[in-house]
Every structure is written in structure tokens, then in C-alpha cells.
């Protein structure tokens, strides 16, 4: 399950495996699935990252 993060203006979705943030929940879900199955990041998915969640 992806984590929803809210700030004053927007809502972001975090991949709980690699902690990267996305504007669209669908990309965070795809990232979470990929990370969990492959123990790596997918460049096609992470190009949609907005910022590092650390």
C-alpha cells in the first residue's frame, strides 16, 4: 500500500519500499509493486518522481 502525504497545497503518494514521491497515486502503486517484486528501481517509473521522500 502506498502512503498518502498531505501538505498545505498538495497531496503526494509515497512508495513505501524506496520512499520516492509521486503526484499520481497510480505511479506510486506501480513503483511499490516493482520495488517489492524486483528489489530495484525501474527508470520508466521513477522518471515520474517529484522529489525524494527522505
N, C-alpha and C. Protein backbone atom coordinates (compact mmCIF):
# COMPACT_ATOMS: atom_id res chain seq x y z
N UNK A 1 0.84 -1.18 0.00
CA UNK A 1 0.00 0.00 0.00
C UNK A 1 0.88 1.25 0.00
N UNK A 2 0.53 2.21 -0.78
CA UNK A 2 1.28 3.46 -0.83
C UNK A 2 0.79 4.40 0.27
N UNK A 3 1.66 5.28 0.69
CA UNK A 3 1.36 6.22 1.76
C UNK A 3 0.95 7.56 1.16
N UNK A 4 -0.11 8.14 1.69
CA UNK A 4 -0.56 9.46 1.25
C UNK A 4 0.04 10.53 2.15
N UNK A 5 0.66 11.53 1.53
CA UNK A 5 1.31 12.61 2.27
C UNK A 5 0.67 13.93 1.84
N UNK A 6 0.15 14.66 2.81
CA UNK A 6 -0.51 15.94 2.52
C UNK A 6 0.33 17.08 3.07
N UNK A 7 0.42 18.14 2.29
CA UNK A 7 0.99 19.39 2.80
C UNK A 7 -0.07 20.47 2.62
N UNK A 8 0.29 21.71 2.79
CA UNK A 8 -0.68 22.80 2.72
C UNK A 8 -1.41 22.88 1.39
N UNK A 9 -0.70 22.56 0.30
CA UNK A 9 -1.26 22.78 -1.03
C UNK A 9 -1.59 21.52 -1.81
N UNK A 10 -0.83 20.44 -1.60
CA UNK A 10 -0.98 19.27 -2.46
C UNK A 10 -0.95 17.97 -1.67
N UNK A 11 -1.31 16.91 -2.39
CA UNK A 11 -1.24 15.56 -1.85
C UNK A 11 -0.26 14.79 -2.71
N UNK A 12 0.65 14.06 -2.04
CA UNK A 12 1.62 13.23 -2.73
C UNK A 12 1.44 11.79 -2.28
N UNK A 13 1.97 10.88 -3.08
CA UNK A 13 1.88 9.46 -2.77
C UNK A 13 3.29 8.89 -2.74
N UNK A 14 3.58 8.15 -1.68
CA UNK A 14 4.94 7.65 -1.45
C UNK A 14 4.99 6.14 -1.62
N UNK A 15 5.97 5.69 -2.38
CA UNK A 15 6.29 4.27 -2.45
C UNK A 15 6.95 3.92 -1.12
N UNK A 16 6.37 3.02 -0.36
CA UNK A 16 6.92 2.70 0.95
C UNK A 16 8.19 1.86 0.86
N UNK A 17 8.47 1.28 -0.30
CA UNK A 17 9.68 0.48 -0.46
C UNK A 17 10.92 1.37 -0.65
N UNK A 18 10.83 2.37 -1.53
CA UNK A 18 12.00 3.21 -1.82
C UNK A 18 11.82 4.66 -1.37
N UNK A 19 10.63 5.01 -0.88
CA UNK A 19 10.32 6.32 -0.31
C UNK A 19 10.32 7.47 -1.33
N UNK A 20 10.14 7.17 -2.60
CA UNK A 20 10.04 8.22 -3.61
C UNK A 20 8.60 8.71 -3.67
N UNK A 21 8.43 9.99 -4.02
CA UNK A 21 7.11 10.63 -4.03
C UNK A 21 6.62 10.86 -5.45
N UNK A 22 5.31 10.70 -5.62
CA UNK A 22 4.65 10.89 -6.90
C UNK A 22 3.41 11.75 -6.71
N UNK A 23 3.04 12.50 -7.75
CA UNK A 23 1.79 13.26 -7.73
C UNK A 23 0.60 12.34 -7.97
N UNK A 24 0.79 11.35 -8.83
CA UNK A 24 -0.29 10.44 -9.18
C UNK A 24 -0.16 9.14 -8.38
N UNK A 25 -1.24 8.73 -7.77
CA UNK A 25 -1.26 7.51 -6.97
C UNK A 25 -0.91 6.29 -7.82
N UNK A 26 -1.33 6.29 -9.07
CA UNK A 26 -1.09 5.14 -9.94
C UNK A 26 0.41 4.88 -10.12
N UNK A 27 1.23 5.93 -10.22
CA UNK A 27 2.68 5.76 -10.36
C UNK A 27 3.29 5.23 -9.07
N UNK A 28 2.80 5.68 -7.95
CA UNK A 28 3.30 5.19 -6.67
C UNK A 28 2.97 3.71 -6.50
N UNK A 29 1.80 3.31 -6.94
CA UNK A 29 1.42 1.90 -6.87
C UNK A 29 2.31 1.05 -7.77
N UNK A 30 2.54 1.53 -9.00
CA UNK A 30 3.42 0.80 -9.92
C UNK A 30 4.82 0.69 -9.35
N UNK A 31 5.31 1.77 -8.75
CA UNK A 31 6.64 1.78 -8.16
C UNK A 31 6.71 0.77 -7.01
N UNK A 32 5.72 0.79 -6.15
CA UNK A 32 5.68 -0.12 -5.00
C UNK A 32 5.68 -1.58 -5.46
N UNK A 33 4.89 -1.88 -6.47
CA UNK A 33 4.83 -3.25 -6.99
C UNK A 33 6.18 -3.67 -7.57
N UNK A 34 6.78 -2.77 -8.37
CA UNK A 34 8.07 -3.08 -8.99
C UNK A 34 9.15 -3.30 -7.91
N UNK A 35 9.23 -2.36 -6.97
CA UNK A 35 10.25 -2.45 -5.92
C UNK A 35 10.11 -3.74 -5.11
N UNK A 36 8.88 -4.09 -4.78
CA UNK A 36 8.63 -5.27 -3.97
C UNK A 36 8.99 -6.56 -4.71
N UNK A 37 8.70 -6.61 -5.98
CA UNK A 37 8.96 -7.82 -6.76
C UNK A 37 10.41 -7.94 -7.19
N UNK A 38 11.06 -6.82 -7.54
CA UNK A 38 12.38 -6.87 -8.16
C UNK A 38 13.52 -6.37 -7.29
N UNK A 39 13.22 -5.77 -6.15
CA UNK A 39 14.24 -5.22 -5.25
C UNK A 39 15.17 -4.25 -5.99
N UNK A 40 14.58 -3.45 -6.89
CA UNK A 40 15.31 -2.46 -7.66
C UNK A 40 14.34 -1.38 -8.11
N UNK A 41 14.87 -0.33 -8.74
CA UNK A 41 14.02 0.73 -9.28
C UNK A 41 13.92 0.58 -10.80
N UNK A 42 12.82 1.04 -11.35
CA UNK A 42 12.56 0.99 -12.78
C UNK A 42 12.64 2.42 -13.31
N UNK A 43 13.56 2.67 -14.25
CA UNK A 43 13.74 4.04 -14.77
C UNK A 43 12.48 4.58 -15.45
N UNK A 44 11.69 3.70 -16.06
CA UNK A 44 10.45 4.13 -16.70
C UNK A 44 9.42 4.63 -15.70
N UNK A 45 9.50 4.12 -14.49
CA UNK A 45 8.57 4.55 -13.43
C UNK A 45 9.12 5.76 -12.69
N UNK A 46 10.39 5.70 -12.29
CA UNK A 46 10.91 6.78 -11.45
C UNK A 46 11.11 8.10 -12.18
N UNK A 47 10.96 8.11 -13.49
CA UNK A 47 11.03 9.40 -14.18
C UNK A 47 9.84 10.29 -13.82
N UNK A 48 8.84 9.72 -13.15
CA UNK A 48 7.65 10.47 -12.73
C UNK A 48 7.74 10.95 -11.28
N UNK A 49 8.88 10.72 -10.65
CA UNK A 49 9.11 11.14 -9.25
C UNK A 49 9.11 12.66 -9.16
N UNK A 50 8.54 13.19 -8.07
CA UNK A 50 8.57 14.64 -7.89
C UNK A 50 9.71 15.07 -6.98
N UNK A 51 10.01 14.27 -5.95
CA UNK A 51 11.15 14.56 -5.08
C UNK A 51 11.40 13.36 -4.19
N UNK A 52 12.59 13.28 -3.64
CA UNK A 52 12.95 12.20 -2.74
C UNK A 52 12.25 12.39 -1.41
N UNK A 53 11.69 11.33 -0.86
CA UNK A 53 10.93 11.42 0.37
C UNK A 53 11.75 11.44 1.64
N UNK A 54 13.06 11.44 1.55
CA UNK A 54 13.90 11.39 2.75
C UNK A 54 13.99 12.73 3.41
